[in-house]
Amino acid sequence: MRPALFRLALLLMLAFGAATASMHASATPLAPTDAEAVRQVVMAQLNAFADDDADSAFETATPSVREAIGNPLRFLAMVRGAYPMVYRPASFAFLKPEEDDGTVLQMVQITDGDDKSWIALFALERQPDASWRISGCAVAENPWRPA
């Protein structure tokens, strides 16, 4: 990850309030099969939002996130209100995910309905059954959007 992108990822994680004590510059690329599995989980969540499928969207979150939020409808309402660009992106593109101490960071470039560009940073954790689940998301305006 380029130093500027890593700094943005770190800042987004701090803004989100996720545990970042273990994050450092030693982030490594994921194995191709894990990278695809991570993309599929994020894609499943974005597709669930597009379909207003609260149950499926909620299922992509870690058990601790589900416990903290309480139920699928509350989760959908929270995303709709706090992250409208994630809830209804006009377009999006995945960047290469990286792993650091068991947490995967999947950055996604998002364009909203007003043609504003964003970077969404999804944090994912591997579950005991070897699946990946989303433990958090932070969003910031994309400072590198091409003119």
N, C-alpha and C. Protein backbone atom coordinates (compact mmCIF):
# COMPACT_ATOMS: atom_id res chain seq x y z
N MET A 1 0.86 -1.17 0.00
CA MET A 1 0.00 0.00 0.00
C MET A 1 0.91 1.23 0.00
N ARG A 2 0.62 2.21 -0.85
CA ARG A 2 1.40 3.43 -0.88
C ARG A 2 1.31 4.12 0.47
N PRO A 3 2.39 4.82 0.90
CA PRO A 3 2.38 5.46 2.22
C PRO A 3 1.18 6.39 2.44
N ALA A 4 0.80 7.16 1.45
CA ALA A 4 -0.35 8.07 1.62
C ALA A 4 -1.64 7.29 1.82
N LEU A 5 -1.82 6.19 1.08
CA LEU A 5 -3.03 5.37 1.26
C LEU A 5 -3.03 4.69 2.61
N PHE A 6 -1.84 4.24 3.05
CA PHE A 6 -1.79 3.61 4.36
C PHE A 6 -2.14 4.61 5.45
N ARG A 7 -1.64 5.85 5.33
CA ARG A 7 -1.97 6.88 6.32
C ARG A 7 -3.46 7.17 6.31
N LEU A 8 -4.08 7.23 5.12
CA LEU A 8 -5.53 7.45 5.05
C LEU A 8 -6.26 6.29 5.71
N ALA A 9 -5.82 5.07 5.43
CA ALA A 9 -6.46 3.91 6.04
C ALA A 9 -6.35 3.98 7.56
N LEU A 10 -5.20 4.34 8.05
CA LEU A 10 -5.01 4.45 9.50
C LEU A 10 -5.90 5.54 10.08
N LEU A 11 -5.96 6.69 9.42
CA LEU A 11 -6.82 7.78 9.90
C LEU A 11 -8.29 7.38 9.89
N LEU A 12 -8.72 6.69 8.84
CA LEU A 12 -10.11 6.25 8.78
C LEU A 12 -10.42 5.28 9.91
N MET A 13 -9.51 4.36 10.18
CA MET A 13 -9.75 3.41 11.25
C MET A 13 -9.81 4.12 12.60
N LEU A 14 -8.94 5.10 12.81
CA LEU A 14 -8.99 5.86 14.06
C LEU A 14 -10.30 6.62 14.17
N ALA A 15 -10.74 7.22 13.07
CA ALA A 15 -12.00 7.96 13.09
C ALA A 15 -13.16 7.04 13.40
N PHE A 16 -13.10 5.83 12.91
CA PHE A 16 -14.18 4.88 13.15
C PHE A 16 -14.18 4.39 14.58
N GLY A 17 -13.00 4.44 15.20
CA GLY A 17 -12.91 4.00 16.59
C GLY A 17 -12.57 2.53 16.74
N ALA A 18 -12.17 1.91 15.65
CA ALA A 18 -11.79 0.50 15.73
C ALA A 18 -10.44 0.36 16.42
N ALA A 19 -10.18 -0.80 16.90
CA ALA A 19 -8.91 -1.05 17.58
C ALA A 19 -7.80 -1.03 16.56
N THR A 20 -6.89 -0.07 16.69
CA THR A 20 -5.81 0.06 15.72
C THR A 20 -4.44 -0.08 16.37
N ALA A 21 -4.41 -0.47 17.62
CA ALA A 21 -3.14 -0.55 18.31
C ALA A 21 -2.17 -1.48 17.60
N SER A 22 -2.68 -2.50 16.94
CA SER A 22 -1.79 -3.46 16.30
C SER A 22 -1.44 -3.08 14.86
N MET A 23 -2.01 -2.01 14.36
CA MET A 23 -1.72 -1.62 12.98
C MET A 23 -0.33 -1.01 12.89
N HIS A 24 0.42 -1.39 11.90
CA HIS A 24 1.72 -0.80 11.63
C HIS A 24 2.02 -0.98 10.16
N ALA A 25 3.18 -0.52 9.76
CA ALA A 25 3.51 -0.48 8.33
C ALA A 25 3.78 -1.86 7.73
N SER A 26 3.59 -2.93 8.49
CA SER A 26 3.90 -4.25 7.97
C SER A 26 2.69 -4.93 7.33
N ALA A 27 1.68 -4.18 6.96
CA ALA A 27 0.52 -4.77 6.29
C ALA A 27 0.99 -5.51 5.05
N THR A 28 0.37 -6.66 4.82
CA THR A 28 0.78 -7.48 3.70
C THR A 28 -0.41 -7.80 2.81
N PRO A 29 -0.15 -8.03 1.52
CA PRO A 29 -1.24 -8.42 0.64
C PRO A 29 -1.80 -9.77 1.06
N LEU A 30 -3.06 -9.97 0.76
CA LEU A 30 -3.71 -11.24 1.07
C LEU A 30 -3.45 -12.26 -0.02
N ALA A 31 -3.57 -13.52 0.34
CA ALA A 31 -3.55 -14.57 -0.66
C ALA A 31 -4.73 -14.34 -1.60
N PRO A 32 -4.60 -14.67 -2.88
CA PRO A 32 -5.68 -14.41 -3.83
C PRO A 32 -7.04 -15.00 -3.41
N THR A 33 -7.06 -16.18 -2.83
CA THR A 33 -8.34 -16.77 -2.43
C THR A 33 -8.98 -15.98 -1.28
N ASP A 34 -8.16 -15.52 -0.33
CA ASP A 34 -8.69 -14.71 0.76
C ASP A 34 -9.15 -13.34 0.25
N ALA A 35 -8.38 -12.75 -0.66
CA ALA A 35 -8.76 -11.45 -1.22
C ALA A 35 -10.11 -11.54 -1.92
N GLU A 36 -10.33 -12.62 -2.66
CA GLU A 36 -11.62 -12.81 -3.34
C GLU A 36 -12.74 -13.02 -2.33
N ALA A 37 -12.48 -13.78 -1.28
CA ALA A 37 -13.50 -14.03 -0.25
C ALA A 37 -13.87 -12.72 0.45
N VAL A 38 -12.89 -11.89 0.73
CA VAL A 38 -13.14 -10.59 1.37
C VAL A 38 -13.99 -9.71 0.45
N ARG A 39 -13.61 -9.64 -0.82
CA ARG A 39 -14.40 -8.85 -1.79
C ARG A 39 -15.83 -9.35 -1.86
N GLN A 40 -16.01 -10.67 -1.83
CA GLN A 40 -17.36 -11.24 -1.92
C GLN A 40 -18.22 -10.85 -0.72
N VAL A 41 -17.63 -10.78 0.47
CA VAL A 41 -18.40 -10.38 1.65
C VAL A 41 -18.82 -8.91 1.54
N VAL A 42 -17.89 -8.05 1.15
CA VAL A 42 -18.23 -6.63 1.00
C VAL A 42 -19.27 -6.47 -0.12
N MET A 43 -19.09 -7.19 -1.22
CA MET A 43 -20.05 -7.13 -2.32
C MET A 43 -21.42 -7.62 -1.87
N ALA A 44 -21.44 -8.68 -1.07
CA ALA A 44 -22.72 -9.19 -0.56
C ALA A 44 -23.42 -8.13 0.28
N GLN A 45 -22.65 -7.40 1.09
CA GLN A 45 -23.27 -6.36 1.90
C GLN A 45 -23.79 -5.23 1.02
N LEU A 46 -23.01 -4.79 0.05
CA LEU A 46 -23.46 -3.72 -0.85
C LEU A 46 -24.70 -4.15 -1.64
N ASN A 47 -24.73 -5.39 -2.10
CA ASN A 47 -25.91 -5.90 -2.81
C ASN A 47 -27.12 -5.95 -1.89
N ALA A 48 -26.92 -6.36 -0.64
CA ALA A 48 -28.02 -6.41 0.32
C ALA A 48 -28.58 -5.01 0.57
N PHE A 49 -27.69 -4.02 0.67
CA PHE A 49 -28.17 -2.64 0.84
C PHE A 49 -28.98 -2.21 -0.38
N ALA A 50 -28.50 -2.55 -1.57
CA ALA A 50 -29.21 -2.17 -2.79
C ALA A 50 -30.60 -2.78 -2.84
N ASP A 51 -30.76 -3.96 -2.24
CA ASP A 51 -32.06 -4.65 -2.23
C ASP A 51 -32.87 -4.37 -0.97
N ASP A 52 -32.36 -3.48 -0.10
CA ASP A 52 -32.99 -3.23 1.20
C ASP A 52 -33.22 -4.53 1.96
N ASP A 53 -32.27 -5.44 1.84
CA ASP A 53 -32.33 -6.74 2.50
C ASP A 53 -31.56 -6.64 3.83
N ALA A 54 -32.25 -6.20 4.86
CA ALA A 54 -31.63 -5.96 6.16
C ALA A 54 -31.02 -7.24 6.73
N ASP A 55 -31.70 -8.36 6.60
CA ASP A 55 -31.19 -9.62 7.16
C ASP A 55 -29.86 -10.03 6.53
N SER A 56 -29.78 -9.97 5.20
CA SER A 56 -28.54 -10.36 4.52
C SER A 56 -27.41 -9.38 4.82
N ALA A 57 -27.71 -8.09 4.86
CA ALA A 57 -26.68 -7.10 5.19
C ALA A 57 -26.15 -7.33 6.60
N PHE A 58 -27.04 -7.57 7.53
CA PHE A 58 -26.68 -7.79 8.93
C PHE A 58 -25.82 -9.04 9.08
N GLU A 59 -26.10 -10.05 8.28
CA GLU A 59 -25.36 -11.31 8.35
C GLU A 59 -23.89 -11.14 7.96
N THR A 60 -23.55 -10.12 7.18
CA THR A 60 -22.15 -9.92 6.76
C THR A 60 -21.31 -9.29 7.87
N ALA A 61 -21.94 -8.84 8.94
CA ALA A 61 -21.22 -8.21 10.06
C ALA A 61 -20.75 -9.28 11.05
N THR A 62 -19.71 -8.94 11.80
CA THR A 62 -19.22 -9.84 12.84
C THR A 62 -20.26 -10.00 13.94
N PRO A 63 -20.19 -11.08 14.68
CA PRO A 63 -21.12 -11.26 15.80
C PRO A 63 -21.08 -10.09 16.80
N SER A 64 -19.91 -9.54 17.06
CA SER A 64 -19.83 -8.42 18.02
C SER A 64 -20.53 -7.18 17.49
N VAL A 65 -20.45 -6.94 16.19
CA VAL A 65 -21.16 -5.80 15.60
C VAL A 65 -22.67 -6.05 15.67
N ARG A 66 -23.08 -7.26 15.33
CA ARG A 66 -24.51 -7.58 15.39
C ARG A 66 -25.05 -7.42 16.81
N GLU A 67 -24.27 -7.87 17.79
CA GLU A 67 -24.70 -7.74 19.18
C GLU A 67 -24.79 -6.26 19.59
N ALA A 68 -23.82 -5.46 19.16
CA ALA A 68 -23.81 -4.04 19.53
C ALA A 68 -24.98 -3.27 18.90
N ILE A 69 -25.34 -3.62 17.66
CA ILE A 69 -26.40 -2.90 16.96
C ILE A 69 -27.78 -3.44 17.33
N GLY A 70 -27.88 -4.72 17.51
CA GLY A 70 -29.13 -5.28 18.00
C GLY A 70 -29.97 -6.05 17.03
N ASN A 71 -30.28 -5.47 15.87
CA ASN A 71 -31.12 -6.20 14.92
C ASN A 71 -30.92 -5.67 13.50
N PRO A 72 -31.34 -6.45 12.50
CA PRO A 72 -31.12 -6.08 11.11
C PRO A 72 -31.74 -4.74 10.71
N LEU A 73 -32.94 -4.45 11.16
CA LEU A 73 -33.58 -3.19 10.76
C LEU A 73 -32.85 -1.99 11.32
N ARG A 74 -32.38 -2.09 12.55
CA ARG A 74 -31.60 -1.00 13.15
C ARG A 74 -30.29 -0.81 12.38
N PHE A 75 -29.67 -1.93 11.97
CA PHE A 75 -28.44 -1.87 11.20
C PHE A 75 -28.67 -1.15 9.87
N LEU A 76 -29.71 -1.53 9.16
CA LEU A 76 -30.02 -0.90 7.89
C LEU A 76 -30.29 0.59 8.07
N ALA A 77 -31.04 0.96 9.09
CA ALA A 77 -31.33 2.37 9.36
C ALA A 77 -30.06 3.15 9.67
N MET A 78 -29.15 2.54 10.44
CA MET A 78 -27.90 3.20 10.78
C MET A 78 -27.07 3.46 9.53
N VAL A 79 -26.94 2.47 8.67
CA VAL A 79 -26.16 2.65 7.44
C VAL A 79 -26.82 3.67 6.53
N ARG A 80 -28.12 3.58 6.38
CA ARG A 80 -28.86 4.53 5.52
C ARG A 80 -28.63 5.97 5.99
N GLY A 81 -28.65 6.20 7.31
CA GLY A 81 -28.49 7.55 7.83
C GLY A 81 -27.06 8.03 7.90
N ALA A 82 -26.13 7.18 8.32
CA ALA A 82 -24.75 7.61 8.54
C ALA A 82 -23.85 7.42 7.32
N TYR A 83 -24.19 6.47 6.47
CA TYR A 83 -23.34 6.14 5.32
C TYR A 83 -24.16 6.05 4.03
N PRO A 84 -24.82 7.13 3.63
CA PRO A 84 -25.67 7.03 2.43
C PRO A 84 -24.89 6.66 1.17
N MET A 85 -23.63 7.04 1.11
CA MET A 85 -22.82 6.70 -0.07
C MET A 85 -22.53 5.20 -0.15
N VAL A 86 -22.50 4.53 0.99
CA VAL A 86 -22.32 3.08 1.03
C VAL A 86 -23.67 2.38 0.81
N TYR A 87 -24.70 2.97 1.36
CA TYR A 87 -26.04 2.40 1.23
C TYR A 87 -26.52 2.40 -0.22
N ARG A 88 -26.25 3.47 -0.94
CA ARG A 88 -26.68 3.59 -2.34
C ARG A 88 -25.58 4.20 -3.21
N PRO A 89 -24.49 3.47 -3.43
CA PRO A 89 -23.44 4.02 -4.31
C PRO A 89 -23.90 4.04 -5.76
N ALA A 90 -23.47 5.06 -6.48
CA ALA A 90 -23.73 5.09 -7.92
C ALA A 90 -22.76 4.14 -8.62
N SER A 91 -21.53 4.08 -8.10
CA SER A 91 -20.54 3.14 -8.62
C SER A 91 -19.50 2.90 -7.53
N PHE A 92 -18.75 1.82 -7.71
CA PHE A 92 -17.69 1.53 -6.75
C PHE A 92 -16.64 0.66 -7.41
N ALA A 93 -15.43 0.71 -6.85
CA ALA A 93 -14.32 -0.11 -7.34
C ALA A 93 -13.49 -0.55 -6.14
N PHE A 94 -13.11 -1.81 -6.15
CA PHE A 94 -12.32 -2.36 -5.05
C PHE A 94 -10.84 -2.11 -5.28
N LEU A 95 -10.15 -1.72 -4.24
CA LEU A 95 -8.70 -1.65 -4.25
C LEU A 95 -8.17 -2.95 -3.66
N LYS A 96 -6.88 -3.15 -3.70
CA LYS A 96 -6.29 -4.39 -3.20
C LYS A 96 -6.36 -4.43 -1.68
N PRO A 97 -6.94 -5.49 -1.10
CA PRO A 97 -7.01 -5.58 0.36
C PRO A 97 -5.66 -5.94 0.95
N GLU A 98 -5.46 -5.57 2.20
CA GLU A 98 -4.23 -5.91 2.91
C GLU A 98 -4.59 -6.40 4.30
N GLU A 99 -3.70 -7.22 4.86
CA GLU A 99 -3.93 -7.80 6.17
C GLU A 99 -2.84 -7.35 7.13
N ASP A 100 -3.26 -7.12 8.37
CA ASP A 100 -2.30 -6.79 9.42
C ASP A 100 -2.80 -7.41 10.72
N ASP A 101 -2.07 -8.35 11.24
CA ASP A 101 -2.40 -8.99 12.51
C ASP A 101 -3.83 -9.51 12.58
N GLY A 102 -4.28 -10.15 11.51
CA GLY A 102 -5.59 -10.79 11.53
C GLY A 102 -6.75 -9.93 11.07
N THR A 103 -6.55 -8.62 10.92
CA THR A 103 -7.60 -7.75 10.40
C THR A 103 -7.29 -7.43 8.96
N VAL A 104 -8.30 -7.53 8.12
CA VAL A 104 -8.13 -7.19 6.71
C VAL A 104 -8.77 -5.83 6.46
N LEU A 105 -8.06 -4.99 5.74
CA LEU A 105 -8.58 -3.69 5.33
C LEU A 105 -8.87 -3.73 3.84
N GLN A 106 -10.13 -3.54 3.51
CA GLN A 106 -10.57 -3.53 2.11
C GLN A 106 -11.03 -2.12 1.78
N MET A 107 -10.25 -1.40 0.98
CA MET A 107 -10.63 -0.06 0.57
C MET A 107 -11.48 -0.15 -0.70
N VAL A 108 -12.53 0.68 -0.74
CA VAL A 108 -13.43 0.71 -1.88
C VAL A 108 -13.64 2.16 -2.28
N GLN A 109 -13.36 2.47 -3.55
CA GLN A 109 -13.65 3.81 -4.06
C GLN A 109 -15.13 3.84 -4.42
N ILE A 110 -15.83 4.85 -3.90
CA ILE A 110 -17.27 4.96 -4.12
C ILE A 110 -17.59 6.31 -4.73
N THR A 111 -18.48 6.31 -5.70
CA THR A 111 -19.05 7.55 -6.22
C THR A 111 -20.52 7.54 -5.84
N ASP A 112 -20.97 8.65 -5.24
CA ASP A 112 -22.38 8.71 -4.83
C ASP A 112 -23.24 9.28 -5.94
N GLY A 113 -24.51 9.44 -5.69
CA GLY A 113 -25.46 9.93 -6.69
C GLY A 113 -25.22 11.36 -7.11
N ASP A 114 -24.46 12.12 -6.32
CA ASP A 114 -24.11 13.51 -6.66
C ASP A 114 -22.75 13.60 -7.32
N ASP A 115 -22.19 12.47 -7.75
CA ASP A 115 -20.88 12.37 -8.39
C ASP A 115 -19.74 12.79 -7.46
N LYS A 116 -19.95 12.65 -6.16
CA LYS A 116 -18.90 12.93 -5.19
C LYS A 116 -18.16 11.62 -4.93
N SER A 117 -16.84 11.70 -4.81
CA SER A 117 -16.01 10.51 -4.64
C SER A 117 -15.63 10.30 -3.18
N TRP A 118 -15.67 9.05 -2.75
CA TRP A 118 -15.40 8.67 -1.37
C TRP A 118 -14.46 7.47 -1.35
N ILE A 119 -13.78 7.30 -0.22
CA ILE A 119 -13.05 6.07 0.07
C ILE A 119 -13.72 5.44 1.28
N ALA A 120 -14.18 4.22 1.12
CA ALA A 120 -14.74 3.46 2.24
C ALA A 120 -13.71 2.41 2.63
N LEU A 121 -13.42 2.35 3.90
CA LEU A 121 -12.49 1.37 4.42
C LEU A 121 -13.27 0.37 5.25
N PHE A 122 -13.36 -0.85 4.74
CA PHE A 122 -14.03 -1.93 5.44
C PHE A 122 -12.98 -2.74 6.20
N ALA A 123 -13.20 -2.96 7.48
CA ALA A 123 -12.34 -3.84 8.27
C ALA A 123 -13.06 -5.17 8.40
N LEU A 124 -12.35 -6.25 8.13
CA LEU A 124 -12.93 -7.58 8.20
C LEU A 124 -12.09 -8.47 9.09
N GLU A 125 -12.77 -9.42 9.74
CA GLU A 125 -12.09 -10.39 10.60
C GLU A 125 -12.50 -11.80 10.18
N ARG A 126 -11.51 -12.69 10.23
CA ARG A 126 -11.79 -14.10 9.94
C ARG A 126 -12.50 -14.70 11.14
N GLN A 127 -13.55 -15.45 10.87
CA GLN A 127 -14.35 -16.07 11.91
C GLN A 127 -13.86 -17.50 12.19
N PRO A 128 -14.28 -18.09 13.31
CA PRO A 128 -13.84 -19.45 13.63
C PRO A 128 -14.14 -20.47 12.52
N ASP A 129 -15.19 -20.23 11.75
CA ASP A 129 -15.52 -21.16 10.65
C ASP A 129 -14.75 -20.84 9.37
N ALA A 130 -13.75 -19.93 9.46
CA ALA A 130 -12.88 -19.51 8.36
C ALA A 130 -13.53 -18.52 7.41
N SER A 131 -14.78 -18.13 7.66
CA SER A 131 -15.42 -17.10 6.82
C SER A 131 -14.91 -15.72 7.26
N TRP A 132 -15.18 -14.73 6.42
CA TRP A 132 -14.83 -13.35 6.74
C TRP A 132 -16.11 -12.58 7.04
N ARG A 133 -16.05 -11.67 8.03
CA ARG A 133 -17.19 -10.81 8.38
C ARG A 133 -16.67 -9.40 8.60
N ILE A 134 -17.53 -8.44 8.33
CA ILE A 134 -17.17 -7.02 8.42
C ILE A 134 -17.29 -6.57 9.88
N SER A 135 -16.19 -6.00 10.39
CA SER A 135 -16.18 -5.53 11.78
C SER A 135 -16.32 -4.02 11.87
N GLY A 136 -16.25 -3.33 10.74
CA GLY A 136 -16.41 -1.88 10.77
C GLY A 136 -16.23 -1.27 9.39
N CYS A 137 -16.67 -0.04 9.28
CA CYS A 137 -16.52 0.71 8.03
C CYS A 137 -16.34 2.17 8.38
N ALA A 138 -15.38 2.79 7.75
CA ALA A 138 -15.17 4.23 7.89
C ALA A 138 -15.14 4.82 6.49
N VAL A 139 -15.64 6.02 6.34
CA VAL A 139 -15.74 6.66 5.03
C VAL A 139 -15.18 8.06 5.11
N ALA A 140 -14.44 8.44 4.07
CA ALA A 140 -13.91 9.81 3.97
C ALA A 140 -13.98 10.24 2.52
N GLU A 141 -14.08 11.53 2.32
CA GLU A 141 -14.05 12.06 0.95
C GLU A 141 -12.74 11.67 0.30
N ASN A 142 -12.77 11.32 -0.96
CA ASN A 142 -11.60 10.87 -1.69
C ASN A 142 -10.75 12.06 -2.12
N PRO A 143 -9.59 12.26 -1.49
CA PRO A 143 -8.75 13.40 -1.85
C PRO A 143 -7.97 13.20 -3.13
N TRP A 144 -7.97 11.95 -3.69
CA TRP A 144 -7.20 11.66 -4.89
C TRP A 144 -8.06 11.52 -6.13
N ARG A 145 -9.27 12.01 -6.06
CA ARG A 145 -10.15 11.86 -7.21
C ARG A 145 -9.56 12.60 -8.40
N PRO A 146 -9.47 11.92 -9.54
CA PRO A 146 -8.95 12.58 -10.75
C PRO A 146 -9.90 13.70 -11.20
N ALA A 147 -9.29 14.77 -11.69
CA ALA A 147 -10.10 15.91 -12.17
C ALA A 147 -10.71 15.64 -13.50
